[in-house]
């Protein structure tokens, strides 16, 4: 397959998401992370689509459930506040 790949896509992932991607890549003997991402994208697009409603944030589409705080790191607040 000799396709022109003229667009670059950068995606931030959590350590758990990266581990899941690498596990998929090595299990399927894929040469690169990019190849694994393209295969997963192809599989996802061939499956059931999502219903993106207004007001949905990018962090709502993570691989692992992050809870109400999304992917942010929250510092511990002093007790009583």
PDB file of N, CA and C in Angstrom:
ATOM      1  N   UNK A   1       0.842  -1.163   0.000  1.00  0.00           N
ATOM      2  CA  UNK A   1       0.000   0.000   0.000  1.00  0.00           C
ATOM      3  C   UNK A   1       0.891   1.232   0.000  1.00  0.00           C
ATOM      4  N   UNK A   2       0.803   2.048  -1.024  1.00  0.00           N
ATOM      5  CA  UNK A   2       1.642   3.229  -1.163  1.00  0.00           C
ATOM      6  C   UNK A   2       0.760   4.475  -1.152  1.00  0.00           C
ATOM      7  N   UNK A   3       0.221   4.819   0.033  1.00  0.00           N
ATOM      8  CA  UNK A   3      -0.674   5.959   0.165  1.00  0.00           C
ATOM      9  C   UNK A   3       0.107   7.199   0.571  1.00  0.00           C
ATOM     10  N   UNK A   4      -0.336   8.347   0.078  1.00  0.00           N
ATOM     11  CA  UNK A   4       0.250   9.615   0.481  1.00  0.00           C
ATOM     12  C   UNK A   4      -0.249   9.955   1.879  1.00  0.00           C
ATOM     13  N   UNK A   5       0.662  10.184   2.790  1.00  0.00           N
ATOM     14  CA  UNK A   5       0.302  10.584   4.159  1.00  0.00           C
ATOM     15  C   UNK A   5       0.858  11.981   4.390  1.00  0.00           C
ATOM     16  N   UNK A   6       0.068  12.979   4.027  1.00  0.00           N
ATOM     17  CA  UNK A   6       0.533  14.356   4.079  1.00  0.00           C
ATOM     18  C   UNK A   6       0.100  15.084   5.347  1.00  0.00           C
ATOM     19  N   UNK A   7      -0.759  14.493   6.145  1.00  0.00           N
ATOM     20  CA  UNK A   7      -1.246  15.150   7.357  1.00  0.00           C
ATOM     21  C   UNK A   7      -0.658  14.491   8.599  1.00  0.00           C
ATOM     22  N   UNK A   8      -0.253  15.325   9.542  1.00  0.00           N
ATOM     23  CA  UNK A   8       0.273  14.837  10.817  1.00  0.00           C
ATOM     24  C   UNK A   8      -0.796  15.050  11.880  1.00  0.00           C
ATOM     25  N   UNK A   9      -1.005  14.043  12.706  1.00  0.00           N
ATOM     26  CA  UNK A   9      -1.982  14.111  13.786  1.00  0.00           C
ATOM     27  C   UNK A   9      -1.273  13.814  15.092  1.00  0.00           C
ATOM     28  N   UNK A  10      -1.341  14.751  16.026  1.00  0.00           N
ATOM     29  CA  UNK A  10      -0.734  14.532  17.330  1.00  0.00           C
ATOM     30  C   UNK A  10      -1.835  14.281  18.347  1.00  0.00           C
ATOM     31  N   UNK A  11      -1.630  13.293  19.199  1.00  0.00           N
ATOM     32  CA  UNK A  11      -2.612  12.918  20.204  1.00  0.00           C
ATOM     33  C   UNK A  11      -1.895  12.731  21.531  1.00  0.00           C
ATOM     34  N   UNK A  12      -2.422  13.350  22.569  1.00  0.00           N
ATOM     35  CA  UNK A  12      -1.881  13.157  23.911  1.00  0.00           C
ATOM     36  C   UNK A  12      -2.610  11.967  24.528  1.00  0.00           C
ATOM     37  N   UNK A  13      -1.867  11.050  25.133  1.00  0.00           N
ATOM     38  CA  UNK A  13      -2.455   9.871  25.768  1.00  0.00           C
ATOM     39  C   UNK A  13      -1.910   9.721  27.176  1.00  0.00           C
ATOM     40  N   UNK A  14      -2.683   9.048  27.998  1.00  0.00           N
ATOM     41  CA  UNK A  14      -2.248   8.764  29.372  1.00  0.00           C
ATOM     42  C   UNK A  14      -1.266   7.591  29.335  1.00  0.00           C
ATOM     43  N   UNK A  15      -0.542   7.368  30.416  1.00  0.00           N
ATOM     44  CA  UNK A  15       0.349   6.203  30.462  1.00  0.00           C
ATOM     45  C   UNK A  15      -0.403   4.886  30.246  1.00  0.00           C
ATOM     46  N   UNK A  16      -1.634   4.793  30.770  1.00  0.00           N
ATOM     47  CA  UNK A  16      -2.423   3.573  30.596  1.00  0.00           C
ATOM     48  C   UNK A  16      -2.833   3.382  29.135  1.00  0.00           C
ATOM     49  N   UNK A  17      -3.196   4.469  28.468  1.00  0.00           N
ATOM     50  CA  UNK A  17      -3.577   4.386  27.058  1.00  0.00           C
ATOM     51  C   UNK A  17      -2.378   3.991  26.200  1.00  0.00           C
ATOM     52  N   UNK A  18      -1.206   4.545  26.528  1.00  0.00           N
ATOM     53  CA  UNK A  18       0.010   4.196  25.787  1.00  0.00           C
ATOM     54  C   UNK A  18       0.360   2.725  25.991  1.00  0.00           C
ATOM     55  N   UNK A  19       0.210   2.234  27.207  1.00  0.00           N
ATOM     56  CA  UNK A  19       0.479   0.816  27.483  1.00  0.00           C
ATOM     57  C   UNK A  19      -0.484  -0.077  26.701  1.00  0.00           C
ATOM     58  N   UNK A  20      -1.764   0.316  26.641  1.00  0.00           N
ATOM     59  CA  UNK A  20      -2.749  -0.462  25.881  1.00  0.00           C
ATOM     60  C   UNK A  20      -2.400  -0.455  24.394  1.00  0.00           C
ATOM     61  N   UNK A  21      -1.965   0.691  23.876  1.00  0.00           N
ATOM     62  CA  UNK A  21      -1.568   0.785  22.471  1.00  0.00           C
ATOM     63  C   UNK A  21      -0.362  -0.103  22.193  1.00  0.00           C
ATOM     64  N   UNK A  22       0.640  -0.040  23.060  1.00  0.00           N
ATOM     65  CA  UNK A  22       1.837  -0.867  22.870  1.00  0.00           C
ATOM     66  C   UNK A  22       1.511  -2.353  22.988  1.00  0.00           C
ATOM     67  N   UNK A  23       0.637  -2.711  23.928  1.00  0.00           N
ATOM     68  CA  UNK A  23       0.223  -4.122  24.054  1.00  0.00           C
ATOM     69  C   UNK A  23      -0.425  -4.602  22.756  1.00  0.00           C
ATOM     70  N   UNK A  24      -1.324  -3.789  22.195  1.00  0.00           N
ATOM     71  CA  UNK A  24      -1.979  -4.133  20.923  1.00  0.00           C
ATOM     72  C   UNK A  24      -0.941  -4.273  19.812  1.00  0.00           C
ATOM     73  N   UNK A  25      -0.031  -3.309  19.757  1.00  0.00           N
ATOM     74  CA  UNK A  25       1.009  -3.317  18.713  1.00  0.00           C
ATOM     75  C   UNK A  25       1.846  -4.586  18.769  1.00  0.00           C
ATOM     76  N   UNK A  26       2.341  -4.935  19.947  1.00  0.00           N
ATOM     77  CA  UNK A  26       3.224  -6.094  20.049  1.00  0.00           C
ATOM     78  C   UNK A  26       2.470  -7.407  19.871  1.00  0.00           C
ATOM     79  N   UNK A  27       1.229  -7.461  20.379  1.00  0.00           N
ATOM     80  CA  UNK A  27       0.425  -8.668  20.218  1.00  0.00           C
ATOM     81  C   UNK A  27       0.166  -8.962  18.741  1.00  0.00           C
ATOM     82  N   UNK A  28       0.002  -7.906  17.937  1.00  0.00           N
ATOM     83  CA  UNK A  28      -0.290  -8.073  16.514  1.00  0.00           C
ATOM     84  C   UNK A  28       0.953  -7.884  15.630  1.00  0.00           C
ATOM     85  N   UNK A  29       2.115  -7.842  16.268  1.00  0.00           N
ATOM     86  CA  UNK A  29       3.406  -7.737  15.572  1.00  0.00           C
ATOM     87  C   UNK A  29       3.434  -6.602  14.547  1.00  0.00           C
ATOM     88  N   UNK A  30       3.011  -5.428  14.997  1.00  0.00           N
ATOM     89  CA  UNK A  30       2.985  -4.260  14.123  1.00  0.00           C
ATOM     90  C   UNK A  30       4.322  -3.534  14.245  1.00  0.00           C
ATOM     91  N   UNK A  31       4.807  -2.946  13.158  1.00  0.00           N
ATOM     92  CA  UNK A  31       6.145  -2.359  13.167  1.00  0.00           C
ATOM     93  C   UNK A  31       6.281  -1.060  13.961  1.00  0.00           C
ATOM     94  N   UNK A  32       5.220  -0.263  14.056  1.00  0.00           N
ATOM     95  CA  UNK A  32       5.304   1.038  14.712  1.00  0.00           C
ATOM     96  C   UNK A  32       4.014   1.345  15.466  1.00  0.00           C
ATOM     97  N   UNK A  33       4.105   2.325  16.370  1.00  0.00           N
ATOM     98  CA  UNK A  33       2.895   2.799  17.042  1.00  0.00           C
ATOM     99  C   UNK A  33       1.936   3.411  16.033  1.00  0.00           C
ATOM    100  N   UNK A  34       2.472   4.119  15.061  1.00  0.00           N
ATOM    101  CA  UNK A  34       1.620   4.741  14.040  1.00  0.00           C
ATOM    102  C   UNK A  34       0.802   3.686  13.296  1.00  0.00           C
ATOM    103  N   UNK A  35       1.415   2.566  12.975  1.00  0.00           N
ATOM    104  CA  UNK A  35       0.695   1.490  12.292  1.00  0.00           C
ATOM    105  C   UNK A  35      -0.412   0.947  13.192  1.00  0.00           C
ATOM    106  N   UNK A  36      -0.123   0.820  14.488  1.00  0.00           N
ATOM    107  CA  UNK A  36      -1.129   0.328  15.425  1.00  0.00           C
ATOM    108  C   UNK A  36      -2.282   1.315  15.543  1.00  0.00           C
ATOM    109  N   UNK A  37      -1.972   2.602  15.594  1.00  0.00           N
ATOM    110  CA  UNK A  37      -3.021   3.618  15.674  1.00  0.00           C
ATOM    111  C   UNK A  37      -3.878   3.588  14.417  1.00  0.00           C
ATOM    112  N   UNK A  38      -3.264   3.478  13.250  1.00  0.00           N
ATOM    113  CA  UNK A  38      -4.044   3.413  12.006  1.00  0.00           C
ATOM    114  C   UNK A  38      -4.939   2.181  11.979  1.00  0.00           C
ATOM    115  N   UNK A  39      -4.442   1.034  12.463  1.00  0.00           N
ATOM    116  CA  UNK A  39      -5.258  -0.183  12.493  1.00  0.00           C
ATOM    117  C   UNK A  39      -6.419  -0.026  13.467  1.00  0.00           C
ATOM    118  N   UNK A  40      -6.157   0.530  14.632  1.00  0.00           N
ATOM    119  CA  UNK A  40      -7.227   0.743  15.602  1.00  0.00           C
ATOM    120  C   UNK A  40      -8.246   1.754  15.094  1.00  0.00           C
ATOM    121  N   UNK A  41      -7.784   2.772  14.393  1.00  0.00           N
ATOM    122  CA  UNK A  41      -8.687   3.749  13.788  1.00  0.00           C
ATOM    123  C   UNK A  41      -9.577   3.080  12.748  1.00  0.00           C
ATOM    124  N   UNK A  42      -8.981   2.239  11.928  1.00  0.00           N
ATOM    125  CA  UNK A  42      -9.745   1.507  10.915  1.00  0.00           C
ATOM    126  C   UNK A  42     -10.791   0.612  11.572  1.00  0.00           C
ATOM    127  N   UNK A  43     -10.396  -0.105  12.630  1.00  0.00           N
ATOM    128  CA  UNK A  43     -11.328  -0.976  13.346  1.00  0.00           C
ATOM    129  C   UNK A  43     -12.453  -0.164  13.987  1.00  0.00           C
ATOM    130  N   UNK A  44     -12.107   0.966  14.580  1.00  0.00           N
ATOM    131  CA  UNK A  44     -13.111   1.805  15.221  1.00  0.00           C
ATOM    132  C   UNK A  44     -14.097   2.393  14.236  1.00  0.00           C
ATOM    133  N   UNK A  45     -13.597   2.830  13.083  1.00  0.00           N
ATOM    134  CA  UNK A  45     -14.479   3.422  12.081  1.00  0.00           C
ATOM    135  C   UNK A  45     -15.383   2.391  11.439  1.00  0.00           C
ATOM    136  N   UNK A  46     -14.958   1.146  11.433  1.00  0.00           N
ATOM    137  CA  UNK A  46     -15.802   0.101  10.853  1.00  0.00           C
ATOM    138  C   UNK A  46     -16.843  -0.402  11.845  1.00  0.00           C
ATOM    139  N   UNK A  47     -16.681  -0.036  13.115  1.00  0.00           N
ATOM    140  CA  UNK A  47     -17.625  -0.471  14.154  1.00  0.00           C
ATOM    141  C   UNK A  47     -18.747   0.532  14.322  1.00  0.00           C
ATOM    142  N   UNK A  48     -19.362   0.453  15.452  1.00  0.00           N
ATOM    143  CA  UNK A  48     -20.464   1.351  15.774  1.00  0.00           C
ATOM    144  C   UNK A  48     -19.923   2.745  16.033  1.00  0.00           C
ATOM    145  N   UNK A  49     -20.547   3.753  15.438  1.00  0.00           N
ATOM    146  CA  UNK A  49     -20.120   5.138  15.621  1.00  0.00           C
ATOM    147  C   UNK A  49     -20.587   5.694  16.956  1.00  0.00           C
ATOM    148  N   UNK A  50     -20.072   6.855  17.325  1.00  0.00           N
ATOM    149  CA  UNK A  50     -20.495   7.524  18.551  1.00  0.00           C
ATOM    150  C   UNK A  50     -21.463   8.631  18.207  1.00  0.00           C
ATOM    151  N   UNK A  51     -22.285   8.992  19.149  1.00  0.00           N
ATOM    152  CA  UNK A  51     -23.244  10.068  18.976  1.00  0.00           C
ATOM    153  C   UNK A  51     -22.691  11.279  19.703  1.00  0.00           C
ATOM    154  N   UNK A  52     -21.959  12.130  18.999  1.00  0.00           N
ATOM    155  CA  UNK A  52     -21.334  13.297  19.614  1.00  0.00           C
ATOM    156  C   UNK A  52     -22.362  14.412  19.770  1.00  0.00           C
ATOM    157  N   UNK A  53     -22.738  14.680  20.998  1.00  0.00           N
ATOM    158  CA  UNK A  53     -23.709  15.729  21.282  1.00  0.00           C
ATOM    159  C   UNK A  53     -22.986  17.044  21.551  1.00  0.00           C
ATOM    160  N   UNK A  54     -23.730  18.130  21.484  1.00  0.00           N
ATOM    161  CA  UNK A  54     -23.155  19.446  21.756  1.00  0.00           C
ATOM    162  C   UNK A  54     -22.648  19.485  23.193  1.00  0.00           C
ATOM    163  N   UNK A  55     -21.513  20.123  23.404  1.00  0.00           N
ATOM    164  CA  UNK A  55     -20.966  20.267  24.743  1.00  0.00           C
ATOM    165  C   UNK A  55     -20.095  19.117  25.198  1.00  0.00           C
ATOM    166  N   UNK A  56     -19.892  18.112  24.357  1.00  0.00           N
ATOM    167  CA  UNK A  56     -19.053  16.982  24.726  1.00  0.00           C
ATOM    168  C   UNK A  56     -17.595  17.403  24.571  1.00  0.00           C
ATOM    169  N   UNK A  57     -16.786  17.123  25.593  1.00  0.00           N
ATOM    170  CA  UNK A  57     -15.375  17.503  25.581  1.00  0.00           C
ATOM    171  C   UNK A  57     -14.519  16.362  25.034  1.00  0.00           C
ATOM    172  N   UNK A  58     -13.362  16.709  24.536  1.00  0.00           N
ATOM    173  CA  UNK A  58     -12.422  15.711  24.035  1.00  0.00           C
ATOM    174  C   UNK A  58     -12.073  14.689  25.104  1.00  0.00           C
ATOM    175  N   UNK A  59     -11.921  15.130  26.343  1.00  0.00           N
ATOM    176  CA  UNK A  59     -11.543  14.215  27.423  1.00  0.00           C
ATOM    177  C   UNK A  59     -12.629  13.188  27.720  1.00  0.00           C
ATOM    178  N   UNK A  60     -13.870  13.427  27.246  1.00  0.00           N
ATOM    179  CA  UNK A  60     -14.942  12.453  27.433  1.00  0.00           C
ATOM    180  C   UNK A  60     -14.733  11.216  26.574  1.00  0.00           C
ATOM    181  N   UNK A  61     -13.821  11.264  25.634  1.00  0.00           N
ATOM    182  CA  UNK A  61     -13.589  10.163  24.711  1.00  0.00           C
ATOM    183  C   UNK A  61     -12.309   9.394  25.023  1.00  0.00           C
ATOM    184  N   UNK A  62     -11.866   9.373  26.261  1.00  0.00           N
ATOM    185  CA  UNK A  62     -10.672   8.628  26.634  1.00  0.00           C
ATOM    186  C   UNK A  62     -10.911   7.123  26.579  1.00  0.00           C
ATOM    187  N   UNK A  63      -9.837   6.384  26.515  1.00  0.00           N
ATOM    188  CA  UNK A  63      -9.916   4.928  26.490  1.00  0.00           C
ATOM    189  C   UNK A  63     -10.315   4.399  27.864  1.00  0.00           C
ATOM    190  N   UNK A  64      -9.782   5.013  28.914  1.00  0.00           N
ATOM    191  CA  UNK A  64     -10.064   4.583  30.273  1.00  0.00           C
ATOM    192  C   UNK A  64     -10.872   5.651  30.984  1.00  0.00           C
ATOM    193  N   UNK A  65     -11.795   5.237  31.843  1.00  0.00           N
ATOM    194  CA  UNK A  65     -12.640   6.172  32.566  1.00  0.00           C
ATOM    195  C   UNK A  65     -11.792   6.967  33.547  1.00  0.00           C
ATOM    196  N   UNK A  66     -11.838   8.278  33.451  1.00  0.00           N
ATOM    197  CA  UNK A  66     -11.041   9.139  34.314  1.00  0.00           C
ATOM    198  C   UNK A  66     -11.882   9.839  35.376  1.00  0.00           C
ATOM    199  N   UNK A  67     -13.171   9.659  35.370  1.00  0.00           N
ATOM    200  CA  UNK A  67     -14.031  10.302  36.362  1.00  0.00           C
ATOM    201  C   UNK A  67     -14.325  11.743  35.987  1.00  0.00           C
ATOM    202  N   UNK A  68     -14.930  12.493  36.914  1.00  0.00           N
ATOM    203  CA  UNK A  68     -15.384  13.847  36.612  1.00  0.00           C
ATOM    204  C   UNK A  68     -14.255  14.828  36.340  1.00  0.00           C
ATOM    205  N   UNK A  69     -13.060  14.552  36.812  1.00  0.00           N
ATOM    206  CA  UNK A  69     -11.932  15.464  36.607  1.00  0.00           C
ATOM    207  C   UNK A  69     -11.242  15.251  35.262  1.00  0.00           C
ATOM    208  N   UNK A  70     -11.679  14.302  34.462  1.00  0.00           N
ATOM    209  CA  UNK A  70     -11.070  14.051  33.159  1.00  0.00           C
ATOM    210  C   UNK A  70      -9.647  13.570  33.292  1.00  0.00           C
ATOM    211  N   UNK A  71      -8.755  14.119  32.490  1.00  0.00           N
ATOM    212  CA  UNK A  71      -7.356  13.696  32.469  1.00  0.00           C
ATOM    213  C   UNK A  71      -6.453  14.644  33.246  1.00  0.00           C
ATOM    214  N   UNK A  72      -7.036  15.537  34.028  1.00  0.00           N
ATOM    215  CA  UNK A  72      -6.212  16.489  34.760  1.00  0.00           C
ATOM    216  C   UNK A  72      -5.715  15.883  36.064  1.00  0.00           C
ATOM    217  N   UNK A  73      -4.629  16.434  36.555  1.00  0.00           N
ATOM    218  CA  UNK A  73      -4.073  15.985  37.818  1.00  0.00           C
ATOM    219  C   UNK A  73      -4.484  16.989  38.875  1.00  0.00           C
ATOM    220  N   UNK A  74      -5.169  16.544  39.908  1.00  0.00           N
ATOM    221  CA  UNK A  74      -5.694  17.423  40.940  1.00  0.00           C
ATOM    222  C   UNK A  74      -4.832  17.321  42.176  1.00  0.00           C
ATOM    223  N   UNK A  75      -4.423  18.492  42.686  1.00  0.00           N
ATOM    224  CA  UNK A  75      -3.635  18.498  43.925  1.00  0.00           C
ATOM    225  C   UNK A  75      -4.571  18.318  45.088  1.00  0.00           C
ATOM    226  N   UNK A  76      -4.087  17.659  46.162  1.00  0.00           N
ATOM    227  CA  UNK A  76      -4.905  17.446  47.350  1.00  0.00           C
ATOM    228  C   UNK A  76      -5.167  18.773  48.040  1.00  0.00           C
ATOM    229  N   UNK A  77      -6.433  19.031  48.339  1.00  0.00           N
ATOM    230  CA  UNK A  77      -6.802  20.252  49.063  1.00  0.00           C
ATOM    231  C   UNK A  77      -6.671  19.984  50.551  1.00  0.00           C
ATOM    232  N   UNK A  78      -6.314  21.012  51.310  1.00  0.00           N
ATOM    233  CA  UNK A  78      -6.228  20.845  52.773  1.00  0.00           C
ATOM    234  C   UNK A  78      -7.596  20.452  53.315  1.00  0.00           C
ATOM    235  N   UNK A  79      -7.603  19.631  54.378  1.00  0.00           N
ATOM    236  CA  UNK A  79      -8.867  19.171  54.960  1.00  0.00           C
ATOM    237  C   UNK A  79      -9.665  20.363  55.485  1.00  0.00           C
ATOM    238  N   UNK A  80     -10.989  20.248  55.344  1.00  0.00           N
ATOM    239  CA  UNK A  80     -11.866  21.303  55.850  1.00  0.00           C
ATOM    240  C   UNK A  80     -12.160  22.375  54.829  1.00  0.00           C
ATOM    241  N   UNK A  81     -11.596  22.272  53.639  1.00  0.00           N
ATOM    242  CA  UNK A  81     -11.864  23.283  52.611  1.00  0.00           C
ATOM    243  C   UNK A  81     -12.587  22.674  51.464  1.00  0.00           C
TER     244      UNK A  81
END
